[in-house]
C-alpha cells in the first residue's frame, strides 16, 4: 500500500509527502531523518492520510495537495481524524 500524508509540525506548519510505509516514515520525520523541511520542526504529528494501490497515484495526490492553499488543506484535514 502507498500513502499520501499530511503532518502538522510543532511550529504549526503543514507538510505533505508520500510513502509506502506510513508508520516508519512518521517515525523518521520525528527523528529528524524524514525531510529537510521537517528537520528541526518536530515533533510532528500525522493529521491526514490517504491510501493508494500504486506509488504513482500517491505521488500524483501529493502534488495535488501541495498546490492547495493552507485553508484548503485544513478543510481536507477536518474531514479525517487520525
PDB file of N, CA and C in Angstrom:
ATOM      1  N   UNK A   1       0.845  -1.179   0.000  1.00  0.00           N
ATOM      2  CA  UNK A   1       0.000   0.000   0.000  1.00  0.00           C
ATOM      3  C   UNK A   1       0.890   1.242   0.000  1.00  0.00           C
ATOM      4  N   UNK A   2       0.416   2.286  -0.636  1.00  0.00           N
ATOM      5  CA  UNK A   2       1.121   3.574  -0.711  1.00  0.00           C
ATOM      6  C   UNK A   2       0.236   4.645  -0.100  1.00  0.00           C
ATOM      7  N   UNK A   3       0.861   5.629   0.478  1.00  0.00           N
ATOM      8  CA  UNK A   3       0.128   6.643   1.224  1.00  0.00           C
ATOM      9  C   UNK A   3       0.573   8.044   0.842  1.00  0.00           C
ATOM     10  N   UNK A   4      -0.381   8.951   0.807  1.00  0.00           N
ATOM     11  CA  UNK A   4      -0.112  10.383   0.774  1.00  0.00           C
ATOM     12  C   UNK A   4      -0.538  10.871   2.146  1.00  0.00           C
ATOM     13  N   UNK A   5       0.295  11.696   2.766  1.00  0.00           N
ATOM     14  CA  UNK A   5       0.011  12.081   4.147  1.00  0.00           C
ATOM     15  C   UNK A   5       0.304  13.561   4.380  1.00  0.00           C
ATOM     16  N   UNK A   6      -0.307  14.076   5.444  1.00  0.00           N
ATOM     17  CA  UNK A   6      -0.042  15.443   5.893  1.00  0.00           C
ATOM     18  C   UNK A   6       0.357  15.368   7.357  1.00  0.00           C
ATOM     19  N   UNK A   7       1.454  16.057   7.680  1.00  0.00           N
ATOM     20  CA  UNK A   7       1.922  16.160   9.052  1.00  0.00           C
ATOM     21  C   UNK A   7       1.722  17.587   9.541  1.00  0.00           C
ATOM     22  N   UNK A   8       1.454  17.720  10.819  1.00  0.00           N
ATOM     23  CA  UNK A   8       1.451  19.040  11.442  1.00  0.00           C
ATOM     24  C   UNK A   8       2.719  19.133  12.268  1.00  0.00           C
ATOM     25  N   UNK A   9       3.521  20.141  11.989  1.00  0.00           N
ATOM     26  CA  UNK A   9       4.786  20.339  12.691  1.00  0.00           C
ATOM     27  C   UNK A   9       4.542  21.103  13.991  1.00  0.00           C
ATOM     28  N   UNK A  10       5.510  21.041  14.888  1.00  0.00           N
ATOM     29  CA  UNK A  10       5.394  21.707  16.186  1.00  0.00           C
ATOM     30  C   UNK A  10       5.197  23.216  16.040  1.00  0.00           C
ATOM     31  N   UNK A  11       5.692  23.805  14.949  1.00  0.00           N
ATOM     32  CA  UNK A  11       5.525  25.245  14.740  1.00  0.00           C
ATOM     33  C   UNK A  11       4.190  25.590  14.071  1.00  0.00           C
ATOM     34  N   UNK A  12       3.335  24.570  13.876  1.00  0.00           N
ATOM     35  CA  UNK A  12       2.008  24.795  13.304  1.00  0.00           C
ATOM     36  C   UNK A  12       1.941  24.691  11.795  1.00  0.00           C
ATOM     37  N   UNK A  13       3.072  24.526  11.122  1.00  0.00           N
ATOM     38  CA  UNK A  13       3.066  24.392   9.667  1.00  0.00           C
ATOM     39  C   UNK A  13       2.652  22.982   9.269  1.00  0.00           C
ATOM     40  N   UNK A  14       2.262  22.835   8.014  1.00  0.00           N
ATOM     41  CA  UNK A  14       1.843  21.542   7.481  1.00  0.00           C
ATOM     42  C   UNK A  14       2.858  21.059   6.461  1.00  0.00           C
ATOM     43  N   UNK A  15       3.077  19.755   6.431  1.00  0.00           N
ATOM     44  CA  UNK A  15       3.982  19.132   5.466  1.00  0.00           C
ATOM     45  C   UNK A  15       3.251  17.976   4.809  1.00  0.00           C
ATOM     46  N   UNK A  16       3.342  17.891   3.491  1.00  0.00           N
ATOM     47  CA  UNK A  16       2.714  16.802   2.743  1.00  0.00           C
ATOM     48  C   UNK A  16       3.793  15.959   2.082  1.00  0.00           C
ATOM     49  N   UNK A  17       3.605  14.642   2.118  1.00  0.00           N
ATOM     50  CA  UNK A  17       4.539  13.730   1.477  1.00  0.00           C
ATOM     51  C   UNK A  17       3.847  12.437   1.087  1.00  0.00           C
ATOM     52  N   UNK A  18       4.636  11.494   0.587  1.00  0.00           N
ATOM     53  CA  UNK A  18       4.093  10.173   0.247  1.00  0.00           C
ATOM     54  C   UNK A  18       5.099   9.119   0.707  1.00  0.00           C
ATOM     55  N   UNK A  19       4.603   7.917   0.947  1.00  0.00           N
ATOM     56  CA  UNK A  19       5.451   6.826   1.402  1.00  0.00           C
ATOM     57  C   UNK A  19       4.755   5.498   1.143  1.00  0.00           C
ATOM     58  N   UNK A  20       5.500   4.410   1.283  1.00  0.00           N
ATOM     59  CA  UNK A  20       4.878   3.089   1.209  1.00  0.00           C
ATOM     60  C   UNK A  20       4.907   2.410   2.581  1.00  0.00           C
ATOM     61  N   UNK A  21       5.370   3.139   3.608  1.00  0.00           N
ATOM     62  CA  UNK A  21       5.351   2.615   4.982  1.00  0.00           C
ATOM     63  C   UNK A  21       5.104   3.797   5.917  1.00  0.00           C
ATOM     64  N   UNK A  22       3.846   4.069   6.176  1.00  0.00           N
ATOM     65  CA  UNK A  22       3.438   5.285   6.870  1.00  0.00           C
ATOM     66  C   UNK A  22       4.020   5.407   8.277  1.00  0.00           C
ATOM     67  N   UNK A  23       3.899   4.378   9.070  1.00  0.00           N
ATOM     68  CA  UNK A  23       4.372   4.441  10.458  1.00  0.00           C
ATOM     69  C   UNK A  23       5.880   4.724  10.519  1.00  0.00           C
ATOM     70  N   UNK A  24       6.645   4.032   9.704  1.00  0.00           N
ATOM     71  CA  UNK A  24       8.100   4.231   9.693  1.00  0.00           C
ATOM     72  C   UNK A  24       8.464   5.631   9.200  1.00  0.00           C
ATOM     73  N   UNK A  25       7.706   6.135   8.255  1.00  0.00           N
ATOM     74  CA  UNK A  25       8.001   7.465   7.707  1.00  0.00           C
ATOM     75  C   UNK A  25       7.750   8.557   8.740  1.00  0.00           C
ATOM     76  N   UNK A  26       6.644   8.453   9.475  1.00  0.00           N
ATOM     77  CA  UNK A  26       6.358   9.437  10.522  1.00  0.00           C
ATOM     78  C   UNK A  26       7.452   9.373  11.591  1.00  0.00           C
ATOM     79  N   UNK A  27       7.863   8.166  11.947  1.00  0.00           N
ATOM     80  CA  UNK A  27       8.948   7.999  12.925  1.00  0.00           C
ATOM     81  C   UNK A  27      10.227   8.660  12.419  1.00  0.00           C
ATOM     82  N   UNK A  28      10.541   8.470  11.143  1.00  0.00           N
ATOM     83  CA  UNK A  28      11.737   9.079  10.562  1.00  0.00           C
ATOM     84  C   UNK A  28      11.669  10.604  10.639  1.00  0.00           C
ATOM     85  N   UNK A  29      10.497  11.171  10.329  1.00  0.00           N
ATOM     86  CA  UNK A  29      10.336  12.629  10.435  1.00  0.00           C
ATOM     87  C   UNK A  29      10.619  13.081  11.872  1.00  0.00           C
ATOM     88  N   UNK A  30      10.103  12.361  12.838  1.00  0.00           N
ATOM     89  CA  UNK A  30      10.287  12.746  14.235  1.00  0.00           C
ATOM     90  C   UNK A  30      11.717  12.553  14.717  1.00  0.00           C
ATOM     91  N   UNK A  31      12.476  11.743  14.020  1.00  0.00           N
ATOM     92  CA  UNK A  31      13.886  11.532  14.359  1.00  0.00           C
ATOM     93  C   UNK A  31      14.803  12.450  13.556  1.00  0.00           C
ATOM     94  N   UNK A  32      14.213  13.364  12.775  1.00  0.00           N
ATOM     95  CA  UNK A  32      14.997  14.309  12.003  1.00  0.00           C
ATOM     96  C   UNK A  32      15.550  13.752  10.707  1.00  0.00           C
ATOM     97  N   UNK A  33      15.052  12.590  10.278  1.00  0.00           N
ATOM     98  CA  UNK A  33      15.546  11.947   9.056  1.00  0.00           C
ATOM     99  C   UNK A  33      14.523  11.950   7.925  1.00  0.00           C
ATOM    100  N   UNK A  34      13.342  12.498   8.151  1.00  0.00           N
ATOM    101  CA  UNK A  34      12.265  12.378   7.177  1.00  0.00           C
ATOM    102  C   UNK A  34      12.371  13.286   5.973  1.00  0.00           C
ATOM    103  N   UNK A  35      12.620  14.559   6.222  1.00  0.00           N
ATOM    104  CA  UNK A  35      12.698  15.537   5.137  1.00  0.00           C
ATOM    105  C   UNK A  35      13.399  16.776   5.665  1.00  0.00           C
ATOM    106  N   UNK A  36      14.037  17.479   4.776  1.00  0.00           N
ATOM    107  CA  UNK A  36      14.738  18.699   5.167  1.00  0.00           C
ATOM    108  C   UNK A  36      13.771  19.682   5.841  1.00  0.00           C
ATOM    109  N   UNK A  37      12.558  19.789   5.298  1.00  0.00           N
ATOM    110  CA  UNK A  37      11.583  20.743   5.837  1.00  0.00           C
ATOM    111  C   UNK A  37      11.214  20.432   7.280  1.00  0.00           C
ATOM    112  N   UNK A  38      10.988  19.174   7.603  1.00  0.00           N
ATOM    113  CA  UNK A  38      10.526  18.826   8.954  1.00  0.00           C
ATOM    114  C   UNK A  38      11.658  18.743   9.968  1.00  0.00           C
ATOM    115  N   UNK A  39      12.891  18.661   9.503  1.00  0.00           N
ATOM    116  CA  UNK A  39      14.032  18.605  10.421  1.00  0.00           C
ATOM    117  C   UNK A  39      14.065  19.910  11.224  1.00  0.00           C
ATOM    118  N   UNK A  40      14.046  19.793  12.529  1.00  0.00           N
ATOM    119  CA  UNK A  40      14.050  20.973  13.387  1.00  0.00           C
ATOM    120  C   UNK A  40      12.675  21.558  13.639  1.00  0.00           C
ATOM    121  N   UNK A  41      11.632  20.980  13.030  1.00  0.00           N
ATOM    122  CA  UNK A  41      10.261  21.458  13.251  1.00  0.00           C
ATOM    123  C   UNK A  41       9.443  20.461  14.066  1.00  0.00           C
ATOM    124  N   UNK A  42      10.122  19.462  14.606  1.00  0.00           N
ATOM    125  CA  UNK A  42       9.429  18.402  15.338  1.00  0.00           C
ATOM    126  C   UNK A  42       9.151  18.774  16.774  1.00  0.00           C
ATOM    127  N   UNK A  43       8.350  17.975  17.419  1.00  0.00           N
ATOM    128  CA  UNK A  43       7.789  16.748  16.865  1.00  0.00           C
ATOM    129  C   UNK A  43       6.671  17.043  15.864  1.00  0.00           C
ATOM    130  N   UNK A  44       6.473  16.095  14.978  1.00  0.00           N
ATOM    131  CA  UNK A  44       5.390  16.200  14.005  1.00  0.00           C
ATOM    132  C   UNK A  44       4.312  15.188  14.367  1.00  0.00           C
ATOM    133  N   UNK A  45       3.091  15.481  13.946  1.00  0.00           N
ATOM    134  CA  UNK A  45       2.006  14.521  14.173  1.00  0.00           C
ATOM    135  C   UNK A  45       1.265  14.295  12.869  1.00  0.00           C
ATOM    136  N   UNK A  46       0.880  13.055  12.651  1.00  0.00           N
ATOM    137  CA  UNK A  46       0.121  12.683  11.460  1.00  0.00           C
ATOM    138  C   UNK A  46      -1.304  13.178  11.633  1.00  0.00           C
ATOM    139  N   UNK A  47      -1.756  14.032  10.711  1.00  0.00           N
ATOM    140  CA  UNK A  47      -3.109  14.574  10.810  1.00  0.00           C
ATOM    141  C   UNK A  47      -4.016  14.124   9.671  1.00  0.00           C
ATOM    142  N   UNK A  48      -3.432  13.514   8.629  1.00  0.00           N
ATOM    143  CA  UNK A  48      -4.248  13.106   7.486  1.00  0.00           C
ATOM    144  C   UNK A  48      -3.469  12.122   6.625  1.00  0.00           C
ATOM    145  N   UNK A  49      -4.176  11.154   6.059  1.00  0.00           N
ATOM    146  CA  UNK A  49      -3.551  10.277   5.069  1.00  0.00           C
ATOM    147  C   UNK A  49      -4.609   9.667   4.167  1.00  0.00           C
ATOM    148  N   UNK A  50      -4.162   9.268   2.980  1.00  0.00           N
ATOM    149  CA  UNK A  50      -4.989   8.556   2.010  1.00  0.00           C
ATOM    150  C   UNK A  50      -4.186   7.354   1.531  1.00  0.00           C
ATOM    151  N   UNK A  51      -4.879   6.263   1.215  1.00  0.00           N
ATOM    152  CA  UNK A  51      -4.224   5.045   0.740  1.00  0.00           C
ATOM    153  C   UNK A  51      -4.406   4.898  -0.771  1.00  0.00           C
ATOM    154  N   UNK A  52      -3.358   4.396  -1.423  1.00  0.00           N
ATOM    155  CA  UNK A  52      -3.389   4.170  -2.870  1.00  0.00           C
ATOM    156  C   UNK A  52      -2.735   2.835  -3.203  1.00  0.00           C
ATOM    157  N   UNK A  53      -3.166   2.240  -4.293  1.00  0.00           N
ATOM    158  CA  UNK A  53      -2.591   0.977  -4.748  1.00  0.00           C
ATOM    159  C   UNK A  53      -1.184   1.167  -5.305  1.00  0.00           C
ATOM    160  N   UNK A  54      -0.971   2.267  -6.027  1.00  0.00           N
ATOM    161  CA  UNK A  54       0.327   2.454  -6.679  1.00  0.00           C
ATOM    162  C   UNK A  54       1.057   3.685  -6.166  1.00  0.00           C
ATOM    163  N   UNK A  55       2.357   3.634  -6.312  1.00  0.00           N
ATOM    164  CA  UNK A  55       3.218   4.756  -5.938  1.00  0.00           C
ATOM    165  C   UNK A  55       2.879   5.983  -6.779  1.00  0.00           C
ATOM    166  N   UNK A  56       2.604   5.767  -8.051  1.00  0.00           N
ATOM    167  CA  UNK A  56       2.297   6.876  -8.951  1.00  0.00           C
ATOM    168  C   UNK A  56       1.042   7.633  -8.510  1.00  0.00           C
ATOM    169  N   UNK A  57       0.013   6.896  -8.076  1.00  0.00           N
ATOM    170  CA  UNK A  57      -1.206   7.541  -7.591  1.00  0.00           C
ATOM    171  C   UNK A  57      -0.917   8.390  -6.357  1.00  0.00           C
ATOM    172  N   UNK A  58      -0.137   7.847  -5.434  1.00  0.00           N
ATOM    173  CA  UNK A  58       0.199   8.575  -4.208  1.00  0.00           C
ATOM    174  C   UNK A  58       1.003   9.832  -4.529  1.00  0.00           C
ATOM    175  N   UNK A  59       1.913   9.719  -5.465  1.00  0.00           N
ATOM    176  CA  UNK A  59       2.736  10.874  -5.845  1.00  0.00           C
ATOM    177  C   UNK A  59       1.901  11.951  -6.541  1.00  0.00           C
ATOM    178  N   UNK A  60       0.961  11.532  -7.375  1.00  0.00           N
ATOM    179  CA  UNK A  60       0.070  12.497  -8.031  1.00  0.00           C
ATOM    180  C   UNK A  60      -0.782  13.228  -7.010  1.00  0.00           C
ATOM    181  N   UNK A  61      -1.287  12.476  -6.026  1.00  0.00           N
ATOM    182  CA  UNK A  61      -2.121  13.100  -4.995  1.00  0.00           C
ATOM    183  C   UNK A  61      -1.296  14.062  -4.140  1.00  0.00           C
ATOM    184  N   UNK A  62      -0.059  13.687  -3.826  1.00  0.00           N
ATOM    185  CA  UNK A  62       0.825  14.575  -3.076  1.00  0.00           C
ATOM    186  C   UNK A  62       0.998  15.895  -3.828  1.00  0.00           C
ATOM    187  N   UNK A  63       1.264  15.823  -5.121  1.00  0.00           N
ATOM    188  CA  UNK A  63       1.447  17.028  -5.934  1.00  0.00           C
ATOM    189  C   UNK A  63       0.188  17.890  -5.924  1.00  0.00           C
ATOM    190  N   UNK A  64      -0.972  17.248  -5.991  1.00  0.00           N
ATOM    191  CA  UNK A  64      -2.236  17.994  -5.979  1.00  0.00           C
ATOM    192  C   UNK A  64      -2.458  18.679  -4.631  1.00  0.00           C
ATOM    193  N   UNK A  65      -2.174  17.981  -3.549  1.00  0.00           N
ATOM    194  CA  UNK A  65      -2.359  18.565  -2.216  1.00  0.00           C
ATOM    195  C   UNK A  65      -1.404  19.727  -1.999  1.00  0.00           C
ATOM    196  N   UNK A  66      -0.187  19.601  -2.479  1.00  0.00           N
ATOM    197  CA  UNK A  66       0.791  20.677  -2.309  1.00  0.00           C
ATOM    198  C   UNK A  66       0.362  21.956  -3.017  1.00  0.00           C
ATOM    199  N   UNK A  67      -0.497  21.852  -4.011  1.00  0.00           N
ATOM    200  CA  UNK A  67      -1.000  23.029  -4.724  1.00  0.00           C
ATOM    201  C   UNK A  67      -2.148  23.710  -3.988  1.00  0.00           C
ATOM    202  N   UNK A  68      -2.716  23.039  -2.991  1.00  0.00           N
ATOM    203  CA  UNK A  68      -3.826  23.613  -2.240  1.00  0.00           C
ATOM    204  C   UNK A  68      -3.336  24.724  -1.321  1.00  0.00           C
ATOM    205  N   UNK A  69      -4.234  25.647  -1.021  1.00  0.00           N
ATOM    206  CA  UNK A  69      -3.910  26.682  -0.037  1.00  0.00           C
ATOM    207  C   UNK A  69      -3.932  26.056   1.358  1.00  0.00           C
ATOM    208  N   UNK A  70      -3.407  26.747   2.336  1.00  0.00           N
ATOM    209  CA  UNK A  70      -3.432  26.227   3.704  1.00  0.00           C
ATOM    210  C   UNK A  70      -4.871  25.996   4.141  1.00  0.00           C
ATOM    211  N   UNK A  71      -5.739  26.924   3.817  1.00  0.00           N
ATOM    212  CA  UNK A  71      -7.149  26.789   4.206  1.00  0.00           C
ATOM    213  C   UNK A  71      -7.770  25.526   3.599  1.00  0.00           C
ATOM    214  N   UNK A  72      -7.476  25.262   2.329  1.00  0.00           N
ATOM    215  CA  UNK A  72      -7.996  24.064   1.676  1.00  0.00           C
ATOM    216  C   UNK A  72      -7.421  22.799   2.318  1.00  0.00           C
ATOM    217  N   UNK A  73      -6.153  22.841   2.695  1.00  0.00           N
ATOM    218  CA  UNK A  73      -5.549  21.696   3.385  1.00  0.00           C
ATOM    219  C   UNK A  73      -6.212  21.470   4.733  1.00  0.00           C
ATOM    220  N   UNK A  74      -6.482  22.549   5.454  1.00  0.00           N
ATOM    221  CA  UNK A  74      -7.149  22.429   6.753  1.00  0.00           C
ATOM    222  C   UNK A  74      -8.553  21.855   6.605  1.00  0.00           C
ATOM    223  N   UNK A  75      -9.260  22.242   5.537  1.00  0.00           N
ATOM    224  CA  UNK A  75     -10.588  21.684   5.271  1.00  0.00           C
ATOM    225  C   UNK A  75     -10.483  20.201   4.971  1.00  0.00           C
ATOM    226  N   UNK A  76      -9.468  19.795   4.230  1.00  0.00           N
ATOM    227  CA  UNK A  76      -9.227  18.390   3.925  1.00  0.00           C
ATOM    228  C   UNK A  76      -8.959  17.611   5.214  1.00  0.00           C
ATOM    229  N   UNK A  77      -8.099  18.140   6.042  1.00  0.00           N
ATOM    230  CA  UNK A  77      -7.757  17.507   7.313  1.00  0.00           C
ATOM    231  C   UNK A  77      -8.981  17.394   8.214  1.00  0.00           C
ATOM    232  N   UNK A  78      -9.828  18.411   8.178  1.00  0.00           N
ATOM    233  CA  UNK A  78     -11.013  18.420   9.029  1.00  0.00           C
ATOM    234  C   UNK A  78     -11.960  17.263   8.783  1.00  0.00           C
ATOM    235  N   UNK A  79     -11.855  16.653   7.615  1.00  0.00           N
ATOM    236  CA  UNK A  79     -12.726  15.537   7.277  1.00  0.00           C
ATOM    237  C   UNK A  79     -12.219  14.192   7.758  1.00  0.00           C
ATOM    238  N   UNK A  80     -11.048  14.162   8.385  1.00  0.00           N
ATOM    239  CA  UNK A  80     -10.471  12.883   8.818  1.00  0.00           C
ATOM    240  C   UNK A  80      -9.753  13.074  10.146  1.00  0.00           C
ATOM    241  N   UNK A  81      -9.943  12.134  11.035  1.00  0.00           N
ATOM    242  CA  UNK A  81      -9.228  12.129  12.307  1.00  0.00           C
ATOM    243  C   UNK A  81      -8.303  10.936  12.312  1.00  0.00           C
ATOM    244  N   UNK A  82      -7.013  11.166  12.542  1.00  0.00           N
ATOM    245  CA  UNK A  82      -6.030  10.077  12.557  1.00  0.00           C
ATOM    246  C   UNK A  82      -5.757   9.643  13.978  1.00  0.00           C
TER     247      UNK A  82
END
